[in-house]
Amino acid sequence: MIENLFQLGEGIDHRGILIVPLFPKRDPLARYITLDEALRMGFSVCEVSEAGLVPELLAENPLSDDVLLYDGEELVGAKQNRILNLTVLVEASSALPIPVSCVEQGRWQSHAATFTAAPHASNPRLRQRKAEALHSQPLTRGVAQSDVWDEVGFTANRLAVSSSTHANADAFRAYRPALAELEQAFPLQPGQCGAALALGADLCLDIVSRPDAFTHLWPKLRAGYLLDALDRLDQPNPATETLGAFISALSTAVTSRGPSAGRGTDIRLRGDALIGSGLELDGELLQLCAFRNDRGAAGATRTIARSSRRRHA
């Protein structure tokens, strides 16, 4: 049972944003480090060739540790910014092609030979839509690209952000002071390995097996959570029990397993109003993310505003 792997802490409800910290019930077995740690130690991500391919990058890991690249993490630079399509465990002393989606539609020229890590992960709305597109074919390159571009445009529209290259990162940049103020209400808790978000009707969960890894991931995931909240502050929010029911539903969701992009086994979950994905290694759940997915009419009626109506980043 998935919910037996972690327990809920005391939730924080601030301005209509409810975030509940999650704590592990078991000691982690697998060792790995995060992207931000690895980049400082010689790990790199670059285009697959001089010409490049939009839906694929090359991760080069000269380290003695495996590196966990988290679903929705954003890579900045090279020919255009990308996000991770799914969580990938890059084996020590290896090179690996990784599936990605573009989040900067208006640029295809090199800014640097290698990528840096953005200080944010994709917002849950974007990650949810990507998960829906990839559910039945998570390793197929390019499947989610049009959905990702649509969602990046929707976010720019609703937050009135203008970007010359339609870059997802420009929305975070434009609202950096507002995000920083909200972040203070949701600090990392000692021993925390995950978080669950309730924002209006939207629900999201992110968890990893190692609290030390979550220490590096939380600032990025939190920024994504709060970006989705900016135009819905101070509105009514579900109670903690709603999140508890959502988490319990994970264990009754239909689960499928298949090859991963790197080490381990890719997991896909689908249940009533729930979609998710994760990564297992030797029977241990290393990572899981899940989203409420009953989008309804809102997802079908989104339109992209003309750039003259958007706020400049």
Foldseek 3Di string as FASTA:
>chain_A
DVCLQWDWDDWFADQQKIKIFIFGPDADDADAAEPQVQVVVPWFKFAPDPQGDQFKIKTAAQAQGWYKYAFQWWWDFAFAIWGALHIATAHHRDMFIGTIEGQFQQTGHGPDGTTDTDLAGAAPVLNLQSLVQCQVPSRDHPSCHVVNLLVLLLLQQVQQEFDPRSHSVRLCVVCVVVLVVVVVSPDDDPRTFWMWIWHPPKIKIKGFNDPVNVVSVVSHHSSSHVSVCPNPGNDHTDDVVVNVVVVVVQVVWDKDWDDDSHAFIKIWTDDQQKTKIFGDHPRRTGIIMMIRHPCPCVVVPRDGDDSVRGDYD
